[in-house]
Protein backbone atom coordinates (compact mmCIF):
# COMPACT_ATOMS: atom_id res chain seq x y z
CA UNK A 1 -27.41 16.71 -2.52
CA UNK A 2 -26.32 13.12 -3.23
CA UNK A 3 -28.08 9.86 -2.29
CA UNK A 4 -26.20 6.68 -1.45
CA UNK A 5 -28.77 4.66 -3.64
CA UNK A 6 -27.06 6.23 -6.61
CA UNK A 7 -23.61 4.77 -5.66
CA UNK A 8 -22.65 2.03 -8.10
CA UNK A 9 -19.51 -0.17 -8.46
CA UNK A 10 -19.50 0.09 -12.26
CA UNK A 11 -17.33 3.20 -12.47
CA UNK A 12 -15.82 2.97 -8.94
CA UNK A 13 -12.14 3.67 -8.62
CA UNK A 14 -10.97 1.49 -5.74
CA UNK A 15 -8.33 2.73 -3.30
CA UNK A 16 -6.80 -0.41 -1.79
CA UNK A 17 -3.97 -0.92 0.72
CA UNK A 18 -2.61 -4.47 0.95
CA UNK A 19 -0.06 -5.22 3.61
CA UNK A 20 1.63 -8.44 4.88
CA UNK A 21 4.84 -10.39 4.91
CA UNK A 22 7.07 -11.09 2.00
CA UNK A 23 5.89 -13.84 -0.28
CA UNK A 24 2.16 -13.53 0.55
CA UNK A 25 0.97 -12.64 -3.01
CA UNK A 26 0.46 -8.89 -2.63
CA UNK A 27 2.21 -7.93 -5.88
CA UNK A 28 0.54 -10.81 -7.73
CA UNK A 29 -2.93 -9.66 -6.54
CA UNK A 30 -2.30 -6.03 -7.49
CA UNK A 31 -1.21 -7.03 -11.00
CA UNK A 32 -4.70 -8.47 -11.82
CA UNK A 33 -6.18 -4.95 -11.68
CA UNK A 34 -6.96 -3.48 -15.19
CA UNK A 35 -4.15 -1.88 -17.16
CA UNK A 36 -1.74 -1.47 -14.35
CA UNK A 37 1.35 0.62 -13.88
CA UNK A 38 3.81 -0.14 -11.06
CA UNK A 39 5.89 2.41 -9.17
CA UNK A 40 8.41 -0.38 -8.28
CA UNK A 41 10.49 0.38 -5.21
CA UNK A 42 10.85 -3.24 -4.03
CA UNK A 43 12.45 -4.71 -7.19
CA UNK A 44 9.85 -7.46 -7.01
CA UNK A 45 8.54 -7.46 -10.53
CA UNK A 46 9.90 -10.96 -11.39
CA UNK A 47 6.79 -12.31 -9.50
CA UNK A 48 4.55 -11.13 -12.34
CA UNK A 49 6.87 -11.86 -15.25
CA UNK A 50 5.18 -12.73 -18.44
CA UNK A 51 2.18 -10.55 -17.75
CA UNK A 52 1.23 -7.38 -19.63
CA UNK A 53 2.31 -5.08 -16.82
CA UNK A 54 4.18 -1.77 -17.27
CA UNK A 55 6.52 -0.51 -14.54
CA UNK A 56 9.40 1.71 -13.62
CA UNK A 57 11.87 0.80 -10.89
CA UNK A 58 13.00 3.56 -8.47
CA UNK A 59 16.32 2.63 -6.94
CA UNK A 60 19.04 5.00 -5.72
CA UNK A 61 22.03 4.73 -7.97
CA UNK A 62 24.19 5.89 -5.14
CA UNK A 63 23.53 5.90 -1.35
CA UNK A 64 25.70 9.07 -1.19
CA UNK A 65 23.50 10.91 -3.85
CA UNK A 66 20.04 9.36 -3.61
CA UNK A 67 17.82 10.19 -6.62
CA UNK A 68 14.91 7.60 -6.44
CA UNK A 69 12.55 9.84 -4.43
CA UNK A 70 13.05 12.86 -6.63
CA UNK A 71 12.48 10.78 -9.82
CA UNK A 72 9.28 9.36 -8.18
CA UNK A 73 8.07 12.80 -7.24
CA UNK A 74 8.44 14.08 -10.74
CA UNK A 75 6.82 11.09 -12.30
CA UNK A 76 3.88 11.27 -9.73
CA UNK A 77 3.45 14.95 -10.67
CA UNK A 78 3.28 13.90 -14.45
CA UNK A 79 0.54 11.34 -13.54
CA UNK A 80 -1.36 13.92 -11.58
CA UNK A 81 -1.35 16.31 -14.53
CA UNK A 82 -2.42 13.67 -16.92
CA UNK A 83 -5.19 12.44 -14.58
CA UNK A 84 -6.67 15.91 -14.40
CA UNK A 85 -6.59 16.21 -18.17
CA UNK A 86 -8.09 12.66 -18.63
CA UNK A 87 -5.03 11.50 -20.60
CA UNK A 88 -3.45 9.02 -18.09
CA UNK A 89 -2.93 5.88 -20.13
CA UNK A 90 -3.47 3.52 -17.19
CA UNK A 91 -6.43 2.32 -15.28
CA UNK A 92 -4.59 1.24 -12.13
CA UNK A 93 -1.54 2.76 -10.40
CA UNK A 94 0.31 0.56 -7.95
CA UNK A 95 2.88 1.60 -5.38
CA UNK A 96 5.12 -1.34 -4.53
CA UNK A 97 5.88 -0.74 -1.78
CA UNK A 98 5.10 2.25 0.30
CA UNK A 99 7.53 0.90 2.90
CA UNK A 100 10.59 1.09 0.75
CA UNK A 101 9.35 4.30 -0.93
CA UNK A 102 9.32 5.91 2.45
CA UNK A 103 12.84 4.73 3.01
CA UNK A 104 13.85 6.53 -0.24
CA UNK A 105 12.13 9.71 0.70
CA UNK A 106 13.89 9.72 4.12
CA UNK A 107 17.31 9.25 2.35
CA UNK A 108 16.45 12.23 0.11
CA UNK A 109 15.62 14.37 3.12
CA UNK A 110 18.89 13.55 4.80
CA UNK A 111 20.90 14.05 1.67
CA UNK A 112 19.42 17.49 1.45
CA UNK A 113 20.31 18.16 5.08
CA UNK A 114 23.70 16.56 4.67
CA UNK A 115 23.04 14.15 7.45
CA UNK A 116 23.27 10.87 5.61
CA UNK A 117 24.61 8.09 7.79
CA UNK A 118 23.63 9.90 10.95
CA UNK A 119 20.72 9.26 13.30
CA UNK A 120 17.44 10.87 11.97
CA UNK A 121 16.47 13.74 13.99
CA UNK A 122 13.00 14.94 15.02
CA UNK A 123 12.83 17.58 12.42
CA UNK A 124 13.57 15.08 9.70
CA UNK A 125 10.84 12.65 11.09
CA UNK A 126 8.43 15.47 10.91
CA UNK A 127 9.39 16.40 7.35
CA UNK A 128 9.08 12.65 6.37
CA UNK A 129 5.46 12.48 7.78
CA UNK A 130 4.56 15.68 5.90
CA UNK A 131 5.93 14.36 2.70
CA UNK A 132 4.23 10.99 3.13
CA UNK A 133 0.89 12.65 3.72
CA UNK A 134 1.28 14.77 0.54
CA UNK A 135 2.25 11.72 -1.46
CA UNK A 136 -0.74 9.70 -0.20
CA UNK A 137 -3.08 12.55 -1.04
CA UNK A 138 -1.67 12.94 -4.56
CA UNK A 139 -1.57 9.25 -5.49
CA UNK A 140 -5.06 8.54 -4.06
CA UNK A 141 -6.53 11.49 -5.81
CA UNK A 142 -5.67 10.06 -9.29
CA UNK A 143 -8.76 9.18 -11.25
CA UNK A 144 -7.84 5.51 -11.46
CA UNK A 145 -7.78 2.42 -9.24
CA UNK A 146 -4.96 2.77 -6.74
CA UNK A 147 -3.23 -0.08 -4.90
CA UNK A 148 -0.50 0.61 -2.26
CA UNK A 149 1.43 -2.42 -1.02
CA UNK A 150 3.21 -2.32 2.32
CA UNK A 151 5.24 -4.73 4.43
CA UNK A 152 4.12 -5.49 7.95
CA UNK A 153 5.40 -4.67 11.43
CA UNK A 154 4.69 -6.18 14.90
CA UNK A 155 3.86 -3.50 17.46
CA UNK A 156 3.25 -4.07 21.22
CA UNK A 157 0.91 -1.69 23.04
CA UNK A 158 2.72 -0.12 25.95
CA UNK A 159 -0.30 -0.05 28.15
CA UNK A 160 -2.04 -3.44 27.42
CA UNK A 161 0.97 -5.43 26.07
CA UNK A 162 -1.26 -6.55 23.20
CA UNK A 163 0.57 -7.43 20.06
CA UNK A 164 -0.78 -5.81 16.87
CA UNK A 165 0.15 -6.30 13.23
CA UNK A 166 0.24 -2.99 11.30
CA UNK A 167 1.57 -1.71 7.99
CA UNK A 168 5.24 -0.99 8.14
CA UNK A 169 5.25 2.85 8.05
CA UNK A 170 7.45 4.99 10.31
CA UNK A 171 6.09 7.30 12.92
CA UNK A 172 3.87 6.89 15.90
CA UNK A 173 0.50 7.82 14.29
CA UNK A 174 0.94 7.23 10.62
CA UNK A 175 0.75 3.43 10.69
CA UNK A 176 -2.64 3.58 12.38
CA UNK A 177 -3.86 6.54 10.33
CA UNK A 178 -2.78 5.29 6.95
CA UNK A 179 -6.06 3.41 6.48
CA UNK A 180 -7.91 6.76 6.26
CA UNK A 181 -6.59 7.32 2.59
CA UNK A 182 -8.04 3.98 1.43
CA UNK A 183 -11.51 2.38 0.83
CA UNK A 184 -10.08 -1.15 1.35
CA UNK A 185 -7.34 -2.36 3.74
CA UNK A 186 -6.35 -6.06 3.42
CA UNK A 187 -3.91 -8.07 5.42
CA UNK A 188 -2.30 -10.80 3.26
CA UNK A 189 -1.02 -14.05 4.70
CA UNK A 190 -0.22 -17.69 3.78
CA UNK A 191 -1.64 -20.76 5.59
CA UNK A 192 -0.93 -24.47 5.01
CA UNK A 193 -3.95 -26.38 3.73
CA UNK A 194 -4.50 -30.05 3.06
CA UNK A 195 -1.29 -31.89 2.31
CA UNK A 196 0.77 -28.82 3.30
CA UNK A 197 -0.24 -26.90 0.17
CA UNK A 198 0.07 -23.13 0.63
CA UNK A 199 -3.19 -21.21 0.79
CA UNK A 200 -2.95 -17.43 0.11
CA UNK A 201 -5.64 -15.26 1.72
CA UNK A 202 -6.39 -11.62 2.44
CA UNK A 203 -8.38 -10.63 5.55
CA UNK A 204 -10.78 -7.76 5.16
CA UNK A 205 -12.23 -7.47 8.63
CA UNK A 206 -10.22 -6.09 11.56
CA UNK A 207 -9.72 -7.81 14.88
CA UNK A 208 -7.67 -7.02 17.93
CA UNK A 209 -4.45 -8.08 16.23
CA UNK A 210 -4.83 -7.01 12.62
CA UNK A 211 -5.85 -3.74 10.97
CA UNK A 212 -8.30 -4.20 8.06
CA UNK A 213 -11.47 -2.75 6.62
CA UNK A 214 -13.75 -2.97 3.58
CA UNK A 215 -16.25 -0.35 2.60
CA UNK A 216 -17.46 -2.78 0.03
CA UNK A 217 -18.49 -5.07 2.81
CA UNK A 218 -18.75 -8.12 0.64
CA UNK A 219 -16.01 -10.46 1.95
CA UNK A 220 -14.33 -11.36 5.27
CA UNK A 221 -11.73 -13.46 3.53
CA UNK A 222 -10.50 -13.09 -0.02
CA UNK A 223 -8.74 -16.06 -1.51
CA UNK A 224 -5.72 -14.92 -3.56
CA UNK A 225 -7.02 -16.91 -6.54
CA UNK A 226 -9.85 -14.29 -6.50
CA UNK A 227 -8.43 -11.75 -8.93
CA UNK A 228 -9.82 -8.31 -9.68
CA UNK A 229 -12.42 -9.51 -12.32
CA UNK A 230 -13.76 -12.29 -10.07
CA UNK A 231 -13.83 -9.97 -7.14
CA UNK A 232 -15.85 -7.34 -8.99
CA UNK A 233 -18.22 -10.00 -10.29
CA UNK A 234 -18.93 -11.10 -6.68
CA UNK A 235 -19.33 -7.50 -5.58
CA UNK A 236 -21.91 -6.78 -8.32
CA UNK A 237 -23.77 -10.00 -7.47
CA UNK A 238 -23.98 -9.04 -3.83
CA UNK A 239 -25.52 -5.70 -4.70
CA UNK A 240 -28.49 -7.24 -6.54
């Protein structure tokens, strides 16, 4: 039997989902986590140029013979084996982004079915959701910090007509359920402060419009200047 008094942040491996529009600082924030490795599907590593960040880009060399998803699956399996053996050379694994990774997985499914260029059928959507759930399970079970980055989508409720901002993931249920795989879900955004200067923020508390959550329960708003080290310092201070 365990007791929550024994839970500490010192050795905690955070599982974080950060979603928002382009240019809101998601990749930059993720890069501040310790010893990171990026699964780069967005081609956005220029934003962290000059930092000590290892990455591999996963881009289909040909739309007629997509290979990015299969290469990613093989690499993720290698990481899974190394993690179980305690030999994974990284402290943080970052998926950037889950949105474009999902598109690559769908192309791989359609290439196998020889339906590339055709409308996605119900069977293929079902296969995609199943593969996504398997990937999320495998990548969040790695014994390291895990940060998943997603773009955002605007969804209108059919019954209430309320507009919601959700992670850009296909399927009817997956965008709403994806938070179940993560401890922290942050929505990133940019506001204009004094003199029109951009202010980068992440929201950690949900409202009727945005999906967000924090099991750490230490912040309502995280300023993007608050990198991983500063964030953990504040979390430890709040626990005293």
